[in-house]
Each structure stands twice: as C-alpha cells, then as structure tokens.
Amino acid sequence: MIVASRGGDDRHPDWFLNLQADPQVEVEMAGSKRPMTAHVADAAEKADLWPKIVADHDNYAGYQRKTERDIPVIVLTP
C-alpha cells in the first residue's frame, strides 16, 4: 500500500491523480519490477489499514491533522 499524503497539503499529489486515471502500474522493489493494479481503499479498508500505517509511520497522523482532506490509502495488488 502507499499513502497519498503530500505532507498534509490540502491537494492530492499529482501521482495520485494519475493513478485514478490509470490504475495499472509497475512497481519496482529490490531491482525487480511487477505489474500491479491500484485501488483507493474504501472507508472500511482504510479503517483497518490506517492504524497500522500510523503505528509504523506516525508522521502520517500529523499530516492528516494538517488538512481537512481525507488522505487516501492506495492498495496495490499483483
């Protein structure tokens, strides 16, 4: 998963808008590329994922407090 925080800005990051337009992506990790499909977590998914995200990366909680925008969580699946 990835988080479209843009540091708590009130606007979505451009890459997030690109994913909305075309959810077919290629992810590279450790030199290996994999095709994936991105989808924005719905409210139930985000309710499950968000506590895990902020437990590992507490800066996201601060970003959410900085903006009225609901920061999207994007789930990537092979």
PDB file of N, CA and C in Angstrom:
ATOM      1  N   MET A   1       0.836  -1.176   0.000  1.00  0.00           N
ATOM      2  CA  MET A   1       0.000   0.000   0.000  1.00  0.00           C
ATOM      3  C   MET A   1       0.880   1.238   0.000  1.00  0.00           C
ATOM      4  N   ILE A   2       0.329   2.319  -0.458  1.00  0.00           N
ATOM      5  CA  ILE A   2       1.000   3.619  -0.453  1.00  0.00           C
ATOM      6  C   ILE A   2       0.003   4.669   0.035  1.00  0.00           C
ATOM      7  N   VAL A   3       0.534   5.775   0.525  1.00  0.00           N
ATOM      8  CA  VAL A   3      -0.303   6.807   1.134  1.00  0.00           C
ATOM      9  C   VAL A   3      -0.124   8.115   0.352  1.00  0.00           C
ATOM     10  N   ALA A   4      -1.223   8.704  -0.061  1.00  0.00           N
ATOM     11  CA  ALA A   4      -1.193   9.943  -0.853  1.00  0.00           C
ATOM     12  C   ALA A   4      -1.272  11.160   0.072  1.00  0.00           C
ATOM     13  N   SER A   5      -0.256  11.321   0.909  1.00  0.00           N
ATOM     14  CA  SER A   5      -0.312  12.354   1.947  1.00  0.00           C
ATOM     15  C   SER A   5       0.058  13.753   1.460  1.00  0.00           C
ATOM     16  N   ARG A   6       1.028  13.832   0.596  1.00  0.00           N
ATOM     17  CA  ARG A   6       1.592  15.118   0.147  1.00  0.00           C
ATOM     18  C   ARG A   6       1.931  16.010   1.343  1.00  0.00           C
ATOM     19  N   GLY A   7       2.431  15.358   2.393  1.00  0.00           N
ATOM     20  CA  GLY A   7       2.878  16.096   3.573  1.00  0.00           C
ATOM     21  C   GLY A   7       1.783  16.865   4.287  1.00  0.00           C
ATOM     22  N   GLY A   8       0.530  16.458   4.099  1.00  0.00           N
ATOM     23  CA  GLY A   8      -0.585  17.140   4.752  1.00  0.00           C
ATOM     24  C   GLY A   8      -1.123  18.326   3.977  1.00  0.00           C
ATOM     25  N   ASP A   9      -0.690  18.475   2.732  1.00  0.00           N
ATOM     26  CA  ASP A   9      -1.194  19.550   1.872  1.00  0.00           C
ATOM     27  C   ASP A   9      -2.696  19.337   1.622  1.00  0.00           C
ATOM     28  N   ASP A  10      -3.391  20.405   1.295  1.00  0.00           N
ATOM     29  CA  ASP A  10      -4.825  20.310   1.024  1.00  0.00           C
ATOM     30  C   ASP A  10      -5.142  19.754  -0.365  1.00  0.00           C
ATOM     31  N   ARG A  11      -4.104  19.528  -1.171  1.00  0.00           N
ATOM     32  CA  ARG A  11      -4.307  18.986  -2.524  1.00  0.00           C
ATOM     33  C   ARG A  11      -3.706  17.587  -2.614  1.00  0.00           C
ATOM     34  N   HIS A  12      -4.342  16.754  -3.422  1.00  0.00           N
ATOM     35  CA  HIS A  12      -3.795  15.425  -3.671  1.00  0.00           C
ATOM     36  C   HIS A  12      -2.492  15.546  -4.469  1.00  0.00           C
ATOM     37  N   PRO A  13      -1.562  14.618  -4.261  1.00  0.00           N
ATOM     38  CA  PRO A  13      -0.359  14.617  -5.090  1.00  0.00           C
ATOM     39  C   PRO A  13      -0.712  14.255  -6.533  1.00  0.00           C
ATOM     40  N   ASP A  14       0.050  14.794  -7.473  1.00  0.00           N
ATOM     41  CA  ASP A  14      -0.221  14.521  -8.889  1.00  0.00           C
ATOM     42  C   ASP A  14      -0.186  13.032  -9.199  1.00  0.00           C
ATOM     43  N   TRP A  15       0.744  12.296  -8.583  1.00  0.00           N
ATOM     44  CA  TRP A  15       0.830  10.862  -8.881  1.00  0.00           C
ATOM     45  C   TRP A  15      -0.455  10.139  -8.497  1.00  0.00           C
ATOM     46  N   PHE A  16      -1.138  10.619  -7.448  1.00  0.00           N
ATOM     47  CA  PHE A  16      -2.408  10.010  -7.049  1.00  0.00           C
ATOM     48  C   PHE A  16      -3.466  10.242  -8.123  1.00  0.00           C
ATOM     49  N   LEU A  17      -3.506  11.442  -8.664  1.00  0.00           N
ATOM     50  CA  LEU A  17      -4.458  11.736  -9.735  1.00  0.00           C
ATOM     51  C   LEU A  17      -4.166  10.868 -10.952  1.00  0.00           C
ATOM     52  N   ASN A  18      -2.881  10.632 -11.229  1.00  0.00           N
ATOM     53  CA  ASN A  18      -2.504   9.748 -12.332  1.00  0.00           C
ATOM     54  C   ASN A  18      -2.989   8.323 -12.080  1.00  0.00           C
ATOM     55  N   LEU A  19      -2.876   7.846 -10.841  1.00  0.00           N
ATOM     56  CA  LEU A  19      -3.358   6.501 -10.518  1.00  0.00           C
ATOM     57  C   LEU A  19      -4.869   6.387 -10.663  1.00  0.00           C
ATOM     58  N   GLN A  20      -5.565   7.451 -10.325  1.00  0.00           N
ATOM     59  CA  GLN A  20      -7.021   7.429 -10.504  1.00  0.00           C
ATOM     60  C   GLN A  20      -7.368   7.320 -11.982  1.00  0.00           C
ATOM     61  N   ALA A  21      -6.592   7.992 -12.816  1.00  0.00           N
ATOM     62  CA  ALA A  21      -6.852   7.966 -14.253  1.00  0.00           C
ATOM     63  C   ALA A  21      -6.453   6.627 -14.876  1.00  0.00           C
ATOM     64  N   ASP A  22      -5.386   6.012 -14.348  1.00  0.00           N
ATOM     65  CA  ASP A  22      -4.903   4.735 -14.881  1.00  0.00           C
ATOM     66  C   ASP A  22      -4.340   3.899 -13.738  1.00  0.00           C
ATOM     67  N   PRO A  23      -5.122   2.982 -13.210  1.00  0.00           N
ATOM     68  CA  PRO A  23      -4.696   2.210 -12.047  1.00  0.00           C
ATOM     69  C   PRO A  23      -3.697   1.085 -12.360  1.00  0.00           C
ATOM     70  N   GLN A  24      -3.364   0.889 -13.613  1.00  0.00           N
ATOM     71  CA  GLN A  24      -2.377  -0.137 -13.970  1.00  0.00           C
ATOM     72  C   GLN A  24      -0.983   0.462 -13.807  1.00  0.00           C
ATOM     73  N   VAL A  25      -0.199  -0.096 -12.900  1.00  0.00           N
ATOM     74  CA  VAL A  25       1.119   0.454 -12.578  1.00  0.00           C
ATOM     75  C   VAL A  25       2.169  -0.642 -12.612  1.00  0.00           C
ATOM     76  N   GLU A  26       3.413  -0.213 -12.604  1.00  0.00           N
ATOM     77  CA  GLU A  26       4.539  -1.127 -12.476  1.00  0.00           C
ATOM     78  C   GLU A  26       5.326  -0.689 -11.255  1.00  0.00           C
ATOM     79  N   VAL A  27       5.542  -1.616 -10.343  1.00  0.00           N
ATOM     80  CA  VAL A  27       6.242  -1.324  -9.098  1.00  0.00           C
ATOM     81  C   VAL A  27       7.604  -2.002  -9.143  1.00  0.00           C
ATOM     82  N   GLU A  28       8.637  -1.235  -8.796  1.00  0.00           N
ATOM     83  CA  GLU A  28       9.975  -1.803  -8.732  1.00  0.00           C
ATOM     84  C   GLU A  28      10.435  -1.839  -7.284  1.00  0.00           C
ATOM     85  N   MET A  29      10.813  -3.025  -6.845  1.00  0.00           N
ATOM     86  CA  MET A  29      11.330  -3.215  -5.483  1.00  0.00           C
ATOM     87  C   MET A  29      12.535  -4.138  -5.570  1.00  0.00           C
ATOM     88  N   ALA A  30      13.623  -3.728  -4.964  1.00  0.00           N
ATOM     89  CA  ALA A  30      14.845  -4.534  -4.937  1.00  0.00           C
ATOM     90  C   ALA A  30      15.268  -4.959  -6.336  1.00  0.00           C
ATOM     91  N   GLY A  31      15.094  -4.054  -7.298  1.00  0.00           N
ATOM     92  CA  GLY A  31      15.527  -4.314  -8.669  1.00  0.00           C
ATOM     93  C   GLY A  31      14.594  -5.178  -9.487  1.00  0.00           C
ATOM     94  N   SER A  32      13.483  -5.596  -8.906  1.00  0.00           N
ATOM     95  CA  SER A  32      12.521  -6.430  -9.620  1.00  0.00           C
ATOM     96  C   SER A  32      11.248  -5.635  -9.882  1.00  0.00           C
ATOM     97  N   LYS A  33      10.762  -5.702 -11.119  1.00  0.00           N
ATOM     98  CA  LYS A  33       9.543  -4.972 -11.495  1.00  0.00           C
ATOM     99  C   LYS A  33       8.370  -5.930 -11.568  1.00  0.00           C
ATOM    100  N   ARG A  34       7.215  -5.436 -11.075  1.00  0.00           N
ATOM    101  CA  ARG A  34       5.977  -6.218 -11.106  1.00  0.00           C
ATOM    102  C   ARG A  34       4.820  -5.346 -11.530  1.00  0.00           C
ATOM    103  N   PRO A  35       3.967  -5.836 -12.435  1.00  0.00           N
ATOM    104  CA  PRO A  35       2.748  -5.091 -12.749  1.00  0.00           C
ATOM    105  C   PRO A  35       1.759  -5.232 -11.596  1.00  0.00           C
ATOM    106  N   MET A  36       1.087  -4.135 -11.301  1.00  0.00           N
ATOM    107  CA  MET A  36       0.093  -4.138 -10.227  1.00  0.00           C
ATOM    108  C   MET A  36      -1.086  -3.270 -10.631  1.00  0.00           C
ATOM    109  N   THR A  37      -2.167  -3.457  -9.898  1.00  0.00           N
ATOM    110  CA  THR A  37      -3.355  -2.624 -10.068  1.00  0.00           C
ATOM    111  C   THR A  37      -3.581  -1.879  -8.762  1.00  0.00           C
ATOM    112  N   ALA A  38      -3.818  -0.586  -8.876  1.00  0.00           N
ATOM    113  CA  ALA A  38      -4.029   0.266  -7.704  1.00  0.00           C
ATOM    114  C   ALA A  38      -5.521   0.527  -7.516  1.00  0.00           C
ATOM    115  N   HIS A  39      -5.946   0.509  -6.265  1.00  0.00           N
ATOM    116  CA  HIS A  39      -7.303   0.994  -5.959  1.00  0.00           C
ATOM    117  C   HIS A  39      -7.252   1.762  -4.641  1.00  0.00           C
ATOM    118  N   VAL A  40      -8.103   2.760  -4.553  1.00  0.00           N
ATOM    119  CA  VAL A  40      -8.191   3.561  -3.335  1.00  0.00           C
ATOM    120  C   VAL A  40      -8.977   2.762  -2.305  1.00  0.00           C
ATOM    121  N   ALA A  41      -8.394   2.622  -1.126  1.00  0.00           N
ATOM    122  CA  ALA A  41      -9.076   1.898  -0.059  1.00  0.00           C
ATOM    123  C   ALA A  41     -10.404   2.580   0.269  1.00  0.00           C
ATOM    124  N   ASP A  42     -11.450   1.773   0.368  1.00  0.00           N
ATOM    125  CA  ASP A  42     -12.735   2.341   0.771  1.00  0.00           C
ATOM    126  C   ASP A  42     -12.693   2.602   2.277  1.00  0.00           C
ATOM    127  N   ALA A  43     -13.767   3.134   2.813  1.00  0.00           N
ATOM    128  CA  ALA A  43     -13.787   3.541   4.221  1.00  0.00           C
ATOM    129  C   ALA A  43     -13.481   2.375   5.160  1.00  0.00           C
ATOM    130  N   ALA A  44     -14.038   1.203   4.873  1.00  0.00           N
ATOM    131  CA  ALA A  44     -13.803   0.042   5.737  1.00  0.00           C
ATOM    132  C   ALA A  44     -12.351  -0.422   5.656  1.00  0.00           C
ATOM    133  N   GLU A  45     -11.803  -0.469   4.440  1.00  0.00           N
ATOM    134  CA  GLU A  45     -10.400  -0.858   4.275  1.00  0.00           C
ATOM    135  C   GLU A  45      -9.479   0.122   4.989  1.00  0.00           C
ATOM    136  N   LYS A  46      -9.757   1.415   4.799  1.00  0.00           N
ATOM    137  CA  LYS A  46      -8.900   2.424   5.414  1.00  0.00           C
ATOM    138  C   LYS A  46      -8.995   2.360   6.938  1.00  0.00           C
ATOM    139  N   ALA A  47     -10.185   2.108   7.468  1.00  0.00           N
ATOM    140  CA  ALA A  47     -10.344   1.999   8.915  1.00  0.00           C
ATOM    141  C   ALA A  47      -9.472   0.872   9.471  1.00  0.00           C
ATOM    142  N   ASP A  48      -9.283  -0.176   8.695  1.00  0.00           N
ATOM    143  CA  ASP A  48      -8.432  -1.284   9.108  1.00  0.00           C
ATOM    144  C   ASP A  48      -6.951  -0.958   8.906  1.00  0.00           C
ATOM    145  N   LEU A  49      -6.615  -0.308   7.801  1.00  0.00           N
ATOM    146  CA  LEU A  49      -5.218  -0.064   7.440  1.00  0.00           C
ATOM    147  C   LEU A  49      -4.590   1.131   8.159  1.00  0.00           C
ATOM    148  N   TRP A  50      -5.354   2.196   8.351  1.00  0.00           N
ATOM    149  CA  TRP A  50      -4.784   3.450   8.874  1.00  0.00           C
ATOM    150  C   TRP A  50      -4.084   3.279  10.221  1.00  0.00           C
ATOM    151  N   PRO A  51      -4.683   2.589  11.192  1.00  0.00           N
ATOM    152  CA  PRO A  51      -3.967   2.415  12.469  1.00  0.00           C
ATOM    153  C   PRO A  51      -2.623   1.695  12.305  1.00  0.00           C
ATOM    154  N   LYS A  52      -2.555   0.751  11.383  1.00  0.00           N
ATOM    155  CA  LYS A  52      -1.301   0.042  11.122  1.00  0.00           C
ATOM    156  C   LYS A  52      -0.275   0.969  10.487  1.00  0.00           C
ATOM    157  N   ILE A  53      -0.752   1.819   9.591  1.00  0.00           N
ATOM    158  CA  ILE A  53       0.146   2.759   8.913  1.00  0.00           C
ATOM    159  C   ILE A  53       0.747   3.728   9.920  1.00  0.00           C
ATOM    160  N   VAL A  54      -0.094   4.357  10.733  1.00  0.00           N
ATOM    161  CA  VAL A  54       0.418   5.362  11.669  1.00  0.00           C
ATOM    162  C   VAL A  54       1.209   4.727  12.819  1.00  0.00           C
ATOM    163  N   ALA A  55       0.979   3.455  13.101  1.00  0.00           N
ATOM    164  CA  ALA A  55       1.786   2.773  14.116  1.00  0.00           C
ATOM    165  C   ALA A  55       3.232   2.642  13.647  1.00  0.00           C
ATOM    166  N   ASP A  56       3.423   2.439  12.353  1.00  0.00           N
ATOM    167  CA  ASP A  56       4.771   2.309  11.791  1.00  0.00           C
ATOM    168  C   ASP A  56       5.360   3.638  11.336  1.00  0.00           C
ATOM    169  N   HIS A  57       4.501   4.583  10.974  1.00  0.00           N
ATOM    170  CA  HIS A  57       4.939   5.870  10.415  1.00  0.00           C
ATOM    171  C   HIS A  57       4.049   6.970  10.986  1.00  0.00           C
ATOM    172  N   ASP A  58       4.354   7.421  12.200  1.00  0.00           N
ATOM    173  CA  ASP A  58       3.471   8.368  12.886  1.00  0.00           C
ATOM    174  C   ASP A  58       3.378   9.731  12.208  1.00  0.00           C
ATOM    175  N   ASN A  59       4.282  10.017  11.279  1.00  0.00           N
ATOM    176  CA  ASN A  59       4.196  11.291  10.561  1.00  0.00           C
ATOM    177  C   ASN A  59       2.883  11.409   9.776  1.00  0.00           C
ATOM    178  N   TYR A  60       2.309  10.277   9.344  1.00  0.00           N
ATOM    179  CA  TYR A  60       1.055  10.341   8.594  1.00  0.00           C
ATOM    180  C   TYR A  60      -0.089  10.862   9.456  1.00  0.00           C
ATOM    181  N   ALA A  61      -0.094  10.542  10.718  1.00  0.00           N
ATOM    182  CA  ALA A  61      -1.131  11.074  11.615  1.00  0.00           C
ATOM    183  C   ALA A  61      -1.024  12.590  11.688  1.00  0.00           C
ATOM    184  N   GLY A  62       0.195  13.100  11.748  1.00  0.00           N
ATOM    185  CA  GLY A  62       0.406  14.554  11.750  1.00  0.00           C
ATOM    186  C   GLY A  62      -0.033  15.193  10.448  1.00  0.00           C
ATOM    187  N   TYR A  63       0.253  14.514   9.346  1.00  0.00           N
ATOM    188  CA  TYR A  63      -0.182  15.042   8.045  1.00  0.00           C
ATOM    189  C   TYR A  63      -1.700  15.143   7.992  1.00  0.00           C
ATOM    190  N   GLN A  64      -2.394  14.115   8.519  1.00  0.00           N
ATOM    191  CA  GLN A  64      -3.854  14.137   8.488  1.00  0.00           C
ATOM    192  C   GLN A  64      -4.402  15.277   9.326  1.00  0.00           C
ATOM    193  N   ARG A  65      -3.744  15.571  10.444  1.00  0.00           N
ATOM    194  CA  ARG A  65      -4.202  16.687  11.289  1.00  0.00           C
ATOM    195  C   ARG A  65      -4.010  18.038  10.607  1.00  0.00           C
ATOM    196  N   LYS A  66      -3.060  18.137   9.682  1.00  0.00           N
ATOM    197  CA  LYS A  66      -2.777  19.401   8.998  1.00  0.00           C
ATOM    198  C   LYS A  66      -3.813  19.757   7.933  1.00  0.00           C
ATOM    199  N   THR A  67      -4.602  18.800   7.484  1.00  0.00           N
ATOM    200  CA  THR A  67      -5.504  19.041   6.366  1.00  0.00           C
ATOM    201  C   THR A  67      -6.910  18.535   6.663  1.00  0.00           C
ATOM    202  N   GLU A  68      -7.879  19.145   6.018  1.00  0.00           N
ATOM    203  CA  GLU A  68      -9.253  18.648   6.088  1.00  0.00           C
ATOM    204  C   GLU A  68      -9.481  17.549   5.057  1.00  0.00           C
ATOM    205  N   ARG A  69      -8.556  17.416   4.109  1.00  0.00           N
ATOM    206  CA  ARG A  69      -8.648  16.394   3.065  1.00  0.00           C
ATOM    207  C   ARG A  69      -8.453  15.021   3.703  1.00  0.00           C
ATOM    208  N   ASP A  70      -9.283  14.073   3.342  1.00  0.00           N
ATOM    209  CA  ASP A  70      -9.094  12.704   3.784  1.00  0.00           C
ATOM    210  C   ASP A  70      -7.941  12.120   2.980  1.00  0.00           C
ATOM    211  N   ILE A  71      -6.844  11.821   3.638  1.00  0.00           N
ATOM    212  CA  ILE A  71      -5.660  11.326   2.939  1.00  0.00           C
ATOM    213  C   ILE A  71      -5.939   9.897   2.461  1.00  0.00           C
ATOM    214  N   PRO A  72      -5.850   9.687   1.145  1.00  0.00           N
ATOM    215  CA  PRO A  72      -6.151   8.359   0.606  1.00  0.00           C
ATOM    216  C   PRO A  72      -5.033   7.347   0.881  1.00  0.00           C
ATOM    217  N   VAL A  73      -5.467   6.114   1.083  1.00  0.00           N
ATOM    218  CA  VAL A  73      -4.573   4.971   1.130  1.00  0.00           C
ATOM    219  C   VAL A  73      -4.834   4.189  -0.148  1.00  0.00           C
ATOM    220  N   ILE A  74      -3.761   3.859  -0.853  1.00  0.00           N
ATOM    221  CA  ILE A  74      -3.888   3.133  -2.114  1.00  0.00           C
ATOM    222  C   ILE A  74      -3.349   1.729  -1.914  1.00  0.00           C
ATOM    223  N   VAL A  75      -4.146   0.758  -2.290  1.00  0.00           N
ATOM    224  CA  VAL A  75      -3.770  -0.645  -2.184  1.00  0.00           C
ATOM    225  C   VAL A  75      -3.301  -1.111  -3.556  1.00  0.00           C
ATOM    226  N   LEU A  76      -2.128  -1.724  -3.588  1.00  0.00           N
ATOM    227  CA  LEU A  76      -1.570  -2.254  -4.835  1.00  0.00           C
ATOM    228  C   LEU A  76      -1.654  -3.773  -4.798  1.00  0.00           C
ATOM    229  N   THR A  77      -2.247  -4.350  -5.838  1.00  0.00           N
ATOM    230  CA  THR A  77      -2.373  -5.810  -5.904  1.00  0.00           C
ATOM    231  C   THR A  77      -1.761  -6.310  -7.208  1.00  0.00           C
ATOM    232  N   PRO A  78      -1.104  -7.475  -7.141  1.00  0.00           N
ATOM    233  CA  PRO A  78      -0.490  -8.052  -8.364  1.00  0.00           C
ATOM    234  C   PRO A  78      -1.546  -8.426  -9.388  1.00  0.00           C
TER     235      PRO A  78
END
